[in-house]
């Protein structure tokens, strides 16, 4: 019959009406999209972490700067006050001890200057400024300035034996280095005595 010859012929490779090639291409396209999205997600996560790290560094840096500002805000004023402390000490050193014993009025004046000096030092300490008096300590070029070197009967080479002018520090910074005399070692005659004493002991 003529109708039977008009039946549609089946196409090879068709299953449910969709070619296999199209399905494979669709799957590959989905995988590409997923891979691209994963990459974008990784990039965004990296940017976020970097931004968070930068913000944390900025926060810490700001905190340090604020702390430094608080600690060192009085630096210029404190440096100017050091000359006042020096003048008070010079005034005290200029008065002979015998004179204060003989003159009660002078003794009272000296006592008042000493009280003023102590109060000034305490006030500076309250604002983070401390006195550096390195007598007998090892010479430290970060804190001390050597004015001369001389032998000493007791102190070893490199130790401070004379403080010409005390230094001051504020926080971790040097406000003014201490002016010092440094030992160049035990004097030759003292070394000879030490050797002789050692020989006698032996």
N, C-alpha and C. Protein backbone atom coordinates (compact mmCIF):
# COMPACT_ATOMS: atom_id res chain seq x y z
N UNK A 1 0.86 -1.20 0.00
CA UNK A 1 0.00 0.00 0.00
C UNK A 1 0.88 1.23 0.00
N UNK A 2 0.28 2.29 -0.64
CA UNK A 2 1.09 3.49 -0.78
C UNK A 2 1.32 4.16 0.55
N UNK A 3 0.41 4.05 1.51
CA UNK A 3 0.55 4.70 2.83
C UNK A 3 1.67 4.14 3.64
N UNK A 4 1.93 2.87 3.46
CA UNK A 4 2.98 2.24 4.27
C UNK A 4 4.36 2.74 3.87
N UNK A 5 4.53 3.09 2.59
CA UNK A 5 5.85 3.58 2.15
C UNK A 5 6.14 4.97 2.68
N UNK A 6 5.14 5.71 3.17
CA UNK A 6 5.33 7.08 3.65
C UNK A 6 5.64 7.16 5.13
N UNK A 7 5.89 6.05 5.81
CA UNK A 7 6.22 6.07 7.24
C UNK A 7 7.59 6.73 7.42
N UNK A 8 7.73 7.59 8.44
CA UNK A 8 9.04 8.27 8.68
C UNK A 8 10.11 7.25 9.00
N UNK A 9 11.28 7.48 8.38
CA UNK A 9 12.42 6.60 8.64
C UNK A 9 13.13 7.05 9.91
N UNK A 10 13.58 6.11 10.72
CA UNK A 10 14.30 6.46 11.98
C UNK A 10 15.69 6.93 11.63
N UNK A 11 16.16 8.02 12.34
CA UNK A 11 17.50 8.60 12.13
C UNK A 11 18.46 7.97 13.11
N UNK A 12 19.60 7.44 12.62
CA UNK A 12 20.56 6.83 13.54
C UNK A 12 21.13 7.87 14.49
N UNK A 13 21.34 7.46 15.76
CA UNK A 13 21.92 8.34 16.77
C UNK A 13 20.91 9.17 17.51
N UNK A 14 19.60 9.05 17.10
CA UNK A 14 18.59 9.81 17.82
C UNK A 14 18.06 8.99 18.96
N UNK A 15 17.97 9.62 20.18
CA UNK A 15 17.37 8.98 21.34
C UNK A 15 16.51 10.02 22.00
N UNK A 16 15.26 9.83 21.97
CA UNK A 16 14.36 10.81 22.56
C UNK A 16 14.36 12.12 21.80
N UNK A 17 14.85 12.15 20.56
CA UNK A 17 14.77 13.35 19.75
C UNK A 17 15.96 14.28 19.87
N UNK A 18 17.04 14.07 20.76
CA UNK A 18 18.20 14.96 20.93
C UNK A 18 19.45 14.26 20.50
N UNK A 19 20.23 14.85 19.57
CA UNK A 19 21.48 14.23 19.12
C UNK A 19 22.49 14.15 20.24
N UNK A 20 23.37 13.13 20.24
CA UNK A 20 24.39 12.95 21.29
C UNK A 20 25.40 14.10 21.27
N UNK A 21 25.78 14.59 20.13
CA UNK A 21 26.76 15.68 20.02
C UNK A 21 26.29 16.94 20.74
N UNK A 22 25.00 17.25 20.58
CA UNK A 22 24.45 18.45 21.23
C UNK A 22 24.49 18.31 22.74
N UNK A 23 24.19 17.12 23.27
CA UNK A 23 24.20 16.88 24.72
C UNK A 23 25.62 17.02 25.26
N UNK A 24 26.60 16.49 24.51
CA UNK A 24 28.00 16.59 24.95
C UNK A 24 28.46 18.03 24.99
N UNK A 25 28.07 18.78 23.93
CA UNK A 25 28.45 20.20 23.89
C UNK A 25 27.81 20.97 25.04
N UNK A 26 26.58 20.66 25.36
CA UNK A 26 25.88 21.33 26.45
C UNK A 26 26.57 21.04 27.79
N UNK A 27 26.96 19.76 28.00
CA UNK A 27 27.64 19.37 29.23
C UNK A 27 28.98 20.09 29.35
N UNK A 28 29.73 20.16 28.23
CA UNK A 28 31.02 20.84 28.22
C UNK A 28 30.83 22.32 28.52
N UNK A 29 29.80 22.93 27.96
CA UNK A 29 29.52 24.34 28.18
C UNK A 29 29.21 24.61 29.66
N UNK A 30 28.43 23.72 30.27
CA UNK A 30 28.11 23.85 31.70
C UNK A 30 29.36 23.74 32.55
N UNK A 31 30.25 22.81 32.21
CA UNK A 31 31.49 22.65 32.97
C UNK A 31 32.37 23.90 32.85
N UNK A 32 32.41 24.49 31.66
CA UNK A 32 33.20 25.71 31.46
C UNK A 32 32.65 26.85 32.32
N UNK A 33 31.32 26.96 32.33
CA UNK A 33 30.68 28.01 33.14
C UNK A 33 30.99 27.80 34.62
N UNK A 34 30.87 26.53 35.07
CA UNK A 34 31.17 26.22 36.48
C UNK A 34 32.63 26.52 36.82
N UNK A 35 33.55 26.16 35.93
CA UNK A 35 34.97 26.42 36.16
C UNK A 35 35.24 27.92 36.23
N UNK A 36 34.56 28.66 35.32
CA UNK A 36 34.73 30.12 35.31
C UNK A 36 34.20 30.73 36.60
N UNK A 37 33.04 30.24 37.06
CA UNK A 37 32.47 30.74 38.31
C UNK A 37 33.36 30.42 39.50
N UNK A 38 33.94 29.20 39.51
CA UNK A 38 34.86 28.82 40.59
C UNK A 38 36.08 29.73 40.61
N UNK A 39 36.60 30.06 39.42
CA UNK A 39 37.77 30.95 39.33
C UNK A 39 37.42 32.35 39.84
N UNK A 40 36.24 32.83 39.43
CA UNK A 40 35.80 34.15 39.90
C UNK A 40 35.63 34.17 41.41
N UNK A 41 35.07 33.06 41.94
CA UNK A 41 34.88 32.96 43.38
C UNK A 41 36.23 32.99 44.11
N UNK A 42 37.22 32.23 43.58
CA UNK A 42 38.56 32.20 44.17
C UNK A 42 39.22 33.58 44.13
N UNK A 43 39.03 34.28 42.98
CA UNK A 43 39.60 35.63 42.83
C UNK A 43 38.98 36.60 43.84
N UNK A 44 37.64 36.53 43.96
CA UNK A 44 36.95 37.41 44.90
C UNK A 44 37.35 37.12 46.34
N UNK A 45 37.52 35.82 46.66
CA UNK A 45 37.93 35.44 48.01
C UNK A 45 39.33 35.97 48.30
N UNK A 46 40.22 35.86 47.30
CA UNK A 46 41.58 36.36 47.46
C UNK A 46 41.58 37.87 47.69
N UNK A 47 40.79 38.59 46.89
CA UNK A 47 40.69 40.05 47.05
C UNK A 47 40.14 40.42 48.42
N UNK A 48 39.14 39.67 48.87
CA UNK A 48 38.54 39.93 50.18
C UNK A 48 39.57 39.73 51.30
N UNK A 49 40.31 38.62 51.22
CA UNK A 49 41.32 38.34 52.24
C UNK A 49 42.41 39.41 52.24
N UNK A 50 42.81 39.84 51.04
CA UNK A 50 43.83 40.90 50.95
C UNK A 50 43.31 42.21 51.55
N UNK A 51 42.04 42.51 51.26
CA UNK A 51 41.45 43.74 51.80
C UNK A 51 41.37 43.68 53.32
N UNK A 52 40.97 42.52 53.86
CA UNK A 52 40.91 42.35 55.31
C UNK A 52 42.29 42.49 55.95
N UNK A 53 43.31 41.91 55.30
CA UNK A 53 44.68 42.00 55.83
C UNK A 53 45.16 43.45 55.80
N UNK A 54 44.86 44.17 54.72
CA UNK A 54 45.24 45.58 54.63
C UNK A 54 44.54 46.41 55.69
N UNK A 55 43.27 46.14 55.93
CA UNK A 55 42.53 46.87 56.95
C UNK A 55 43.10 46.59 58.34
N UNK A 56 43.48 45.35 58.60
CA UNK A 56 44.07 44.99 59.90
C UNK A 56 45.41 45.69 60.09
N UNK A 57 46.23 45.70 59.02
CA UNK A 57 47.52 46.41 59.09
C UNK A 57 47.32 47.90 59.32
N UNK A 58 46.32 48.47 58.64
CA UNK A 58 46.02 49.89 58.81
C UNK A 58 45.57 50.18 60.24
N UNK A 59 44.74 49.28 60.80
CA UNK A 59 44.26 49.45 62.18
C UNK A 59 45.43 49.42 63.16
N UNK A 60 46.32 48.42 62.98
CA UNK A 60 47.48 48.32 63.88
C UNK A 60 48.39 49.53 63.76
N UNK A 61 48.63 49.96 62.51
CA UNK A 61 49.50 51.11 62.29
C UNK A 61 48.90 52.36 62.93
N UNK A 62 47.59 52.54 62.80
CA UNK A 62 46.92 53.69 63.40
C UNK A 62 47.01 53.65 64.91
N UNK A 63 46.83 52.45 65.49
CA UNK A 63 46.94 52.31 66.94
C UNK A 63 48.34 52.67 67.42
N UNK A 64 49.37 52.21 66.65
CA UNK A 64 50.75 52.54 67.01
C UNK A 64 51.00 54.04 66.94
N UNK A 65 50.48 54.67 65.88
CA UNK A 65 50.68 56.11 65.72
C UNK A 65 50.00 56.89 66.83
N UNK A 66 48.80 56.45 67.22
CA UNK A 66 48.09 57.12 68.31
C UNK A 66 48.86 56.95 69.62
N UNK A 67 49.35 55.73 69.87
CA UNK A 67 50.13 55.48 71.09
C UNK A 67 51.40 56.31 71.10
N UNK A 68 52.08 56.39 69.95
CA UNK A 68 53.30 57.20 69.85
C UNK A 68 53.00 58.67 70.09
N UNK A 69 51.90 59.14 69.53
CA UNK A 69 51.52 60.54 69.72
C UNK A 69 51.28 60.84 71.18
N UNK A 70 50.60 59.90 71.86
CA UNK A 70 50.36 60.10 73.30
C UNK A 70 51.66 60.08 74.09
N UNK A 71 52.55 59.14 73.74
CA UNK A 71 53.79 58.97 74.49
C UNK A 71 54.77 60.12 74.27
N UNK A 72 54.84 60.58 73.02
CA UNK A 72 55.89 61.54 72.68
C UNK A 72 55.37 62.96 72.42
N UNK A 73 54.12 63.22 72.82
CA UNK A 73 53.55 64.55 72.59
C UNK A 73 54.30 65.62 73.37
N UNK A 74 54.87 65.27 74.52
CA UNK A 74 55.54 66.25 75.38
C UNK A 74 57.04 66.34 75.10
N UNK A 75 57.51 65.71 74.02
CA UNK A 75 58.95 65.65 73.76
C UNK A 75 59.60 67.03 73.70
N UNK A 76 59.05 67.92 72.90
CA UNK A 76 59.65 69.25 72.76
C UNK A 76 59.63 70.01 74.07
N UNK A 77 58.50 69.94 74.79
CA UNK A 77 58.40 70.63 76.08
C UNK A 77 59.38 70.04 77.09
N UNK A 78 59.45 68.70 77.13
CA UNK A 78 60.36 68.05 78.08
C UNK A 78 61.81 68.41 77.79
N UNK A 79 62.18 68.46 76.50
CA UNK A 79 63.55 68.83 76.14
C UNK A 79 63.89 70.23 76.63
N UNK A 80 62.92 71.14 76.53
CA UNK A 80 63.14 72.51 77.01
C UNK A 80 63.28 72.55 78.53
N UNK A 81 62.57 71.65 79.22
CA UNK A 81 62.62 71.64 80.69
C UNK A 81 63.93 71.08 81.22
N UNK A 82 64.69 70.36 80.39
CA UNK A 82 65.95 69.78 80.85
C UNK A 82 66.94 70.86 81.26
N UNK A 83 66.92 72.00 80.59
CA UNK A 83 67.84 73.09 80.96
C UNK A 83 67.49 73.62 82.34
N UNK A 84 66.20 73.59 82.70
CA UNK A 84 65.78 74.01 84.05
C UNK A 84 66.33 73.04 85.08
N UNK A 85 66.22 71.74 84.80
CA UNK A 85 66.76 70.72 85.71
C UNK A 85 68.27 70.88 85.85
N UNK A 86 68.96 71.14 84.74
CA UNK A 86 70.42 71.33 84.78
C UNK A 86 70.79 72.53 85.64
N UNK A 87 70.06 73.65 85.49
CA UNK A 87 70.37 74.86 86.24
C UNK A 87 70.12 74.67 87.74
N UNK A 88 69.09 73.92 88.09
CA UNK A 88 68.84 73.62 89.50
C UNK A 88 70.00 72.81 90.09
N UNK A 89 70.48 71.83 89.34
CA UNK A 89 71.59 71.00 89.81
C UNK A 89 72.87 71.82 89.93
N UNK A 90 73.11 72.72 88.97
CA UNK A 90 74.30 73.58 89.03
C UNK A 90 74.25 74.50 90.26
N UNK A 91 73.06 75.02 90.54
CA UNK A 91 72.90 75.89 91.71
C UNK A 91 73.21 75.13 93.00
N UNK A 92 72.76 73.89 93.07
CA UNK A 92 73.03 73.08 94.27
C UNK A 92 74.51 72.74 94.39
N UNK A 93 75.13 72.41 93.26
CA UNK A 93 76.55 72.04 93.29
C UNK A 93 77.45 73.23 93.61
N UNK A 94 76.96 74.43 93.35
CA UNK A 94 77.78 75.64 93.57
C UNK A 94 77.85 76.05 95.03
N UNK A 95 76.96 75.51 95.86
CA UNK A 95 76.94 75.89 97.28
C UNK A 95 77.80 74.91 98.08
N UNK A 96 78.87 75.42 98.74
CA UNK A 96 79.70 74.52 99.56
C UNK A 96 78.93 73.97 100.75
N UNK A 97 79.21 72.74 101.12
CA UNK A 97 78.52 72.11 102.25
C UNK A 97 78.76 72.87 103.55
N UNK A 98 79.98 73.43 103.71
CA UNK A 98 80.31 74.16 104.95
C UNK A 98 79.44 75.41 105.09
N UNK A 99 79.15 76.05 103.95
CA UNK A 99 78.35 77.28 103.98
C UNK A 99 76.94 77.01 104.48
N UNK A 100 76.36 75.89 104.08
CA UNK A 100 74.99 75.57 104.52
C UNK A 100 74.95 75.25 106.01
N UNK A 101 76.06 74.71 106.53
CA UNK A 101 76.11 74.41 107.97
C UNK A 101 76.20 75.70 108.79
N UNK A 102 76.90 76.68 108.25
CA UNK A 102 77.11 77.94 108.98
C UNK A 102 75.93 78.90 108.85
N UNK A 103 75.19 78.81 107.76
CA UNK A 103 74.11 79.78 107.49
C UNK A 103 72.79 79.04 107.36
N UNK A 104 71.90 79.24 108.35
CA UNK A 104 70.61 78.54 108.34
C UNK A 104 69.72 79.00 107.18
N UNK A 105 69.78 80.28 106.85
CA UNK A 105 68.96 80.80 105.75
C UNK A 105 69.40 80.18 104.43
N UNK A 106 70.71 80.05 104.24
CA UNK A 106 71.23 79.43 103.03
C UNK A 106 70.86 77.95 102.98
N UNK A 107 70.91 77.30 104.14
CA UNK A 107 70.54 75.88 104.22
C UNK A 107 69.07 75.69 103.83
N UNK A 108 68.20 76.59 104.28
CA UNK A 108 66.78 76.52 103.94
C UNK A 108 66.58 76.74 102.44
N UNK A 109 67.36 77.67 101.87
CA UNK A 109 67.27 77.93 100.43
C UNK A 109 67.69 76.70 99.63
N UNK A 110 68.80 76.09 100.04
CA UNK A 110 69.29 74.88 99.36
C UNK A 110 68.26 73.76 99.45
N UNK A 111 67.65 73.62 100.62
CA UNK A 111 66.63 72.57 100.80
C UNK A 111 65.44 72.82 99.87
N UNK A 112 65.06 74.09 99.72
CA UNK A 112 63.96 74.43 98.82
C UNK A 112 64.29 74.12 97.37
N UNK A 113 65.53 74.38 96.96
CA UNK A 113 65.95 74.07 95.59
C UNK A 113 65.97 72.56 95.37
N UNK A 114 66.43 71.81 96.37
CA UNK A 114 66.45 70.34 96.26
C UNK A 114 65.03 69.79 96.10
N UNK A 115 64.08 70.35 96.90
CA UNK A 115 62.68 69.92 96.80
C UNK A 115 62.13 70.24 95.40
N UNK A 116 62.48 71.40 94.89
CA UNK A 116 62.02 71.80 93.55
C UNK A 116 62.58 70.85 92.49
N UNK A 117 63.86 70.49 92.63
CA UNK A 117 64.49 69.58 91.67
C UNK A 117 63.82 68.21 91.71
N UNK A 118 63.57 67.70 92.92
CA UNK A 118 62.92 66.39 93.04
C UNK A 118 61.51 66.41 92.44
N UNK A 119 60.79 67.50 92.69
CA UNK A 119 59.43 67.61 92.16
C UNK A 119 59.45 67.68 90.63
N UNK A 120 60.44 68.38 90.08
CA UNK A 120 60.56 68.46 88.62
C UNK A 120 60.83 67.09 88.02
N UNK A 121 61.72 66.32 88.65
CA UNK A 121 62.05 64.98 88.16
C UNK A 121 60.81 64.08 88.23
N UNK A 122 60.05 64.16 89.32
CA UNK A 122 58.82 63.36 89.47
C UNK A 122 57.79 63.74 88.41
N UNK A 123 57.67 65.03 88.14
CA UNK A 123 56.71 65.50 87.12
C UNK A 123 57.09 64.97 85.74
N UNK A 124 58.38 65.03 85.43
CA UNK A 124 58.84 64.50 84.15
C UNK A 124 58.57 63.00 84.05
N UNK A 125 58.80 62.28 85.16
CA UNK A 125 58.56 60.83 85.16
C UNK A 125 57.10 60.50 84.95
N UNK A 126 56.21 61.31 85.49
CA UNK A 126 54.77 61.08 85.30
C UNK A 126 54.38 61.19 83.83
N UNK A 127 55.16 61.94 83.08
CA UNK A 127 54.88 62.11 81.64
C UNK A 127 55.80 61.24 80.79
N UNK A 128 56.40 60.22 81.40
CA UNK A 128 57.19 59.24 80.65
C UNK A 128 58.64 59.60 80.43
N UNK A 129 59.11 60.69 81.03
CA UNK A 129 60.51 61.11 80.86
C UNK A 129 61.32 60.62 82.06
N UNK A 130 62.33 59.79 81.81
CA UNK A 130 63.12 59.25 82.91
C UNK A 130 64.58 59.70 82.80
N UNK A 131 65.19 59.84 83.96
CA UNK A 131 66.58 60.28 84.02
C UNK A 131 67.50 59.09 83.77
N UNK A 132 68.58 59.30 83.02
CA UNK A 132 69.56 58.25 82.74
C UNK A 132 70.87 58.63 83.43
N UNK A 133 71.20 57.89 84.50
CA UNK A 133 72.43 58.16 85.26
C UNK A 133 73.24 56.86 85.25
N UNK A 134 74.13 56.70 84.28
CA UNK A 134 74.76 55.39 84.02
C UNK A 134 76.07 55.12 84.76
N UNK A 135 76.32 55.77 85.89
CA UNK A 135 77.58 55.57 86.61
C UNK A 135 77.79 54.09 86.94
N UNK A 136 78.95 53.55 86.56
CA UNK A 136 79.28 52.15 86.84
C UNK A 136 78.74 51.17 85.82
N UNK A 137 77.92 51.63 84.88
CA UNK A 137 77.36 50.74 83.86
C UNK A 137 78.28 50.65 82.65
N UNK A 138 78.02 49.67 81.81
CA UNK A 138 78.77 49.53 80.56
C UNK A 138 78.36 50.64 79.60
N UNK A 139 79.36 51.21 78.93
CA UNK A 139 79.08 52.30 77.99
C UNK A 139 78.18 51.81 76.86
N UNK A 140 77.11 52.56 76.61
CA UNK A 140 76.16 52.24 75.55
C UNK A 140 76.05 53.44 74.61
N UNK A 141 76.58 53.33 73.39
CA UNK A 141 76.55 54.49 72.48
C UNK A 141 75.15 54.95 72.11
N UNK A 142 74.14 54.11 72.34
CA UNK A 142 72.76 54.50 72.06
C UNK A 142 72.20 55.43 73.13
N UNK A 143 72.78 55.36 74.35
CA UNK A 143 72.28 56.14 75.47
C UNK A 143 73.29 57.15 76.00
N UNK A 144 74.57 56.92 75.73
CA UNK A 144 75.63 57.75 76.31
C UNK A 144 76.48 58.38 75.22
N UNK A 145 77.08 59.52 75.58
CA UNK A 145 78.04 60.18 74.70
C UNK A 145 79.34 60.32 75.47
N UNK A 146 80.39 59.67 74.99
CA UNK A 146 81.68 59.69 75.69
C UNK A 146 82.37 61.04 75.49
N UNK A 147 82.76 61.65 76.61
CA UNK A 147 83.47 62.93 76.56
C UNK A 147 84.98 62.72 76.67
N UNK A 148 85.39 61.69 77.41
CA UNK A 148 86.81 61.39 77.55
C UNK A 148 86.96 59.95 78.03
N UNK A 149 88.18 59.45 77.96
CA UNK A 149 88.50 58.09 78.41
C UNK A 149 89.73 58.19 79.32
N UNK A 150 89.67 57.50 80.44
CA UNK A 150 90.78 57.55 81.39
C UNK A 150 90.83 56.25 82.18
N UNK A 151 92.02 55.88 82.66
CA UNK A 151 92.13 54.66 83.47
C UNK A 151 91.40 54.81 84.80
N UNK A 152 90.98 53.70 85.36
CA UNK A 152 90.26 53.71 86.64
C UNK A 152 90.80 52.61 87.54
N UNK A 153 90.78 52.87 88.83
CA UNK A 153 91.38 51.90 89.77
C UNK A 153 90.52 50.66 89.97
N UNK A 154 89.25 50.73 89.62
CA UNK A 154 88.35 49.58 89.86
C UNK A 154 87.65 49.12 88.58
N UNK A 155 87.09 50.08 87.85
CA UNK A 155 86.23 49.74 86.71
C UNK A 155 87.02 49.23 85.51
N UNK A 156 86.47 48.21 84.87
CA UNK A 156 87.09 47.62 83.68
C UNK A 156 86.90 48.53 82.47
N UNK A 157 87.64 48.23 81.44
CA UNK A 157 87.57 49.02 80.20
C UNK A 157 86.14 49.01 79.64
N UNK A 158 85.69 50.20 79.24
CA UNK A 158 84.36 50.31 78.63
C UNK A 158 83.25 50.62 79.61
N UNK A 159 83.55 50.74 80.91
CA UNK A 159 82.52 51.08 81.88
C UNK A 159 82.54 52.58 82.18
N UNK A 160 81.39 53.12 82.51
CA UNK A 160 81.26 54.55 82.79
C UNK A 160 81.75 54.84 84.20
N UNK A 161 82.75 55.72 84.35
CA UNK A 161 83.23 56.05 85.70
C UNK A 161 82.86 57.48 86.11
N UNK A 162 82.49 58.35 85.16
CA UNK A 162 82.11 59.72 85.49
C UNK A 162 80.91 60.14 84.65
N UNK A 163 79.91 60.73 85.31
CA UNK A 163 78.75 61.27 84.60
C UNK A 163 78.89 62.79 84.62
N UNK A 164 79.25 63.35 83.48
CA UNK A 164 79.41 64.80 83.37
C UNK A 164 78.04 65.47 83.38
N UNK A 165 77.11 64.88 82.68
CA UNK A 165 75.74 65.40 82.62
C UNK A 165 74.79 64.22 82.45
N UNK A 166 73.77 64.08 83.32
CA UNK A 166 72.85 62.95 83.16
C UNK A 166 72.04 63.07 81.88
N UNK A 167 71.63 61.93 81.35
CA UNK A 167 70.81 61.92 80.15
C UNK A 167 69.35 61.73 80.51
N UNK A 168 68.49 61.84 79.51
CA UNK A 168 67.06 61.63 79.70
C UNK A 168 66.51 60.85 78.51
N UNK A 169 65.53 60.02 78.79
CA UNK A 169 64.87 59.24 77.74
C UNK A 169 63.36 59.38 77.90
N UNK A 170 62.65 59.31 76.79
CA UNK A 170 61.18 59.34 76.82
C UNK A 170 60.69 58.12 76.06
N UNK A 171 59.99 57.25 76.75
CA UNK A 171 59.57 55.98 76.14
C UNK A 171 60.80 55.20 75.73
N UNK A 172 60.86 54.81 74.45
CA UNK A 172 62.01 54.08 73.92
C UNK A 172 63.02 54.99 73.22
N UNK A 173 62.79 56.28 73.26
CA UNK A 173 63.66 57.22 72.56
C UNK A 173 64.56 57.99 73.53
N UNK A 174 65.73 58.34 73.03
CA UNK A 174 66.66 59.14 73.82
C UNK A 174 66.31 60.61 73.63
N UNK A 175 66.01 61.27 74.74
CA UNK A 175 65.71 62.70 74.68
C UNK A 175 67.02 63.49 74.67
N UNK A 176 67.98 63.03 75.50
CA UNK A 176 69.31 63.62 75.52
C UNK A 176 70.28 62.56 76.04
N UNK A 177 71.37 62.29 75.32
CA UNK A 177 72.32 61.28 75.80
C UNK A 177 73.07 61.78 77.04
N UNK A 178 73.44 60.85 77.91
CA UNK A 178 74.25 61.21 79.08
C UNK A 178 75.69 61.46 78.63
N UNK A 179 76.27 62.56 79.10
CA UNK A 179 77.67 62.86 78.80
C UNK A 179 78.54 62.19 79.86
N UNK A 180 79.43 61.31 79.44
CA UNK A 180 80.13 60.46 80.41
C UNK A 180 81.63 60.38 80.12
N UNK A 181 82.37 59.99 81.17
CA UNK A 181 83.76 59.61 81.03
C UNK A 181 83.84 58.09 81.13
N UNK A 182 84.62 57.48 80.26
CA UNK A 182 84.66 56.02 80.16
C UNK A 182 86.02 55.51 80.63
N UNK A 183 85.99 54.38 81.34
CA UNK A 183 87.23 53.77 81.81
C UNK A 183 88.00 53.14 80.65
N UNK A 184 89.33 53.39 80.64
CA UNK A 184 90.18 52.74 79.63
C UNK A 184 90.82 51.48 80.20
N UNK A 185 90.38 51.10 81.40
CA UNK A 185 90.92 49.91 82.05
C UNK A 185 91.52 50.28 83.39
N UNK A 186 91.89 49.26 84.16
CA UNK A 186 92.50 49.48 85.47
C UNK A 186 93.87 50.12 85.27
N UNK A 187 94.19 51.13 86.09
CA UNK A 187 95.48 51.83 85.97
C UNK A 187 96.63 50.87 86.14
N UNK A 188 97.79 51.20 85.54
CA UNK A 188 98.96 50.30 85.54
C UNK A 188 99.44 49.99 86.94
N UNK A 189 99.49 51.00 87.82
CA UNK A 189 99.96 50.73 89.19
C UNK A 189 99.01 49.82 89.95
N UNK A 190 97.68 49.97 89.65
CA UNK A 190 96.70 49.09 90.31
C UNK A 190 96.84 47.67 89.79
N UNK A 191 97.15 47.52 88.50
CA UNK A 191 97.35 46.18 87.93
C UNK A 191 98.56 45.51 88.57
N UNK A 192 99.62 46.31 88.77
CA UNK A 192 100.82 45.77 89.42
C UNK A 192 100.54 45.32 90.84
N UNK A 193 99.74 46.13 91.56
CA UNK A 193 99.37 45.78 92.94
C UNK A 193 98.56 44.48 92.95
N UNK A 194 97.63 44.38 91.99
CA UNK A 194 96.79 43.17 91.93
C UNK A 194 97.65 41.95 91.67
N UNK A 195 98.64 42.08 90.76
CA UNK A 195 99.52 40.95 90.47
C UNK A 195 100.35 40.58 91.70
N UNK A 196 100.84 41.64 92.38
CA UNK A 196 101.65 41.39 93.57
C UNK A 196 100.84 40.69 94.65
N UNK A 197 99.61 41.15 94.83
CA UNK A 197 98.74 40.52 95.82
C UNK A 197 98.47 39.07 95.45
N UNK A 198 98.30 38.82 94.14
CA UNK A 198 98.08 37.45 93.69
C UNK A 198 99.29 36.59 93.95
N UNK A 199 100.50 37.14 93.74
CA UNK A 199 101.74 36.38 93.97
C UNK A 199 101.90 36.06 95.43
N UNK A 200 101.56 37.06 96.30
CA UNK A 200 101.67 36.83 97.76
C UNK A 200 100.71 35.75 98.19
N UNK A 201 99.52 35.80 97.61
CA UNK A 201 98.52 34.79 97.99
C UNK A 201 98.98 33.41 97.55
N UNK A 202 99.71 33.33 96.43
CA UNK A 202 100.18 32.03 95.94
C UNK A 202 101.32 31.53 96.76
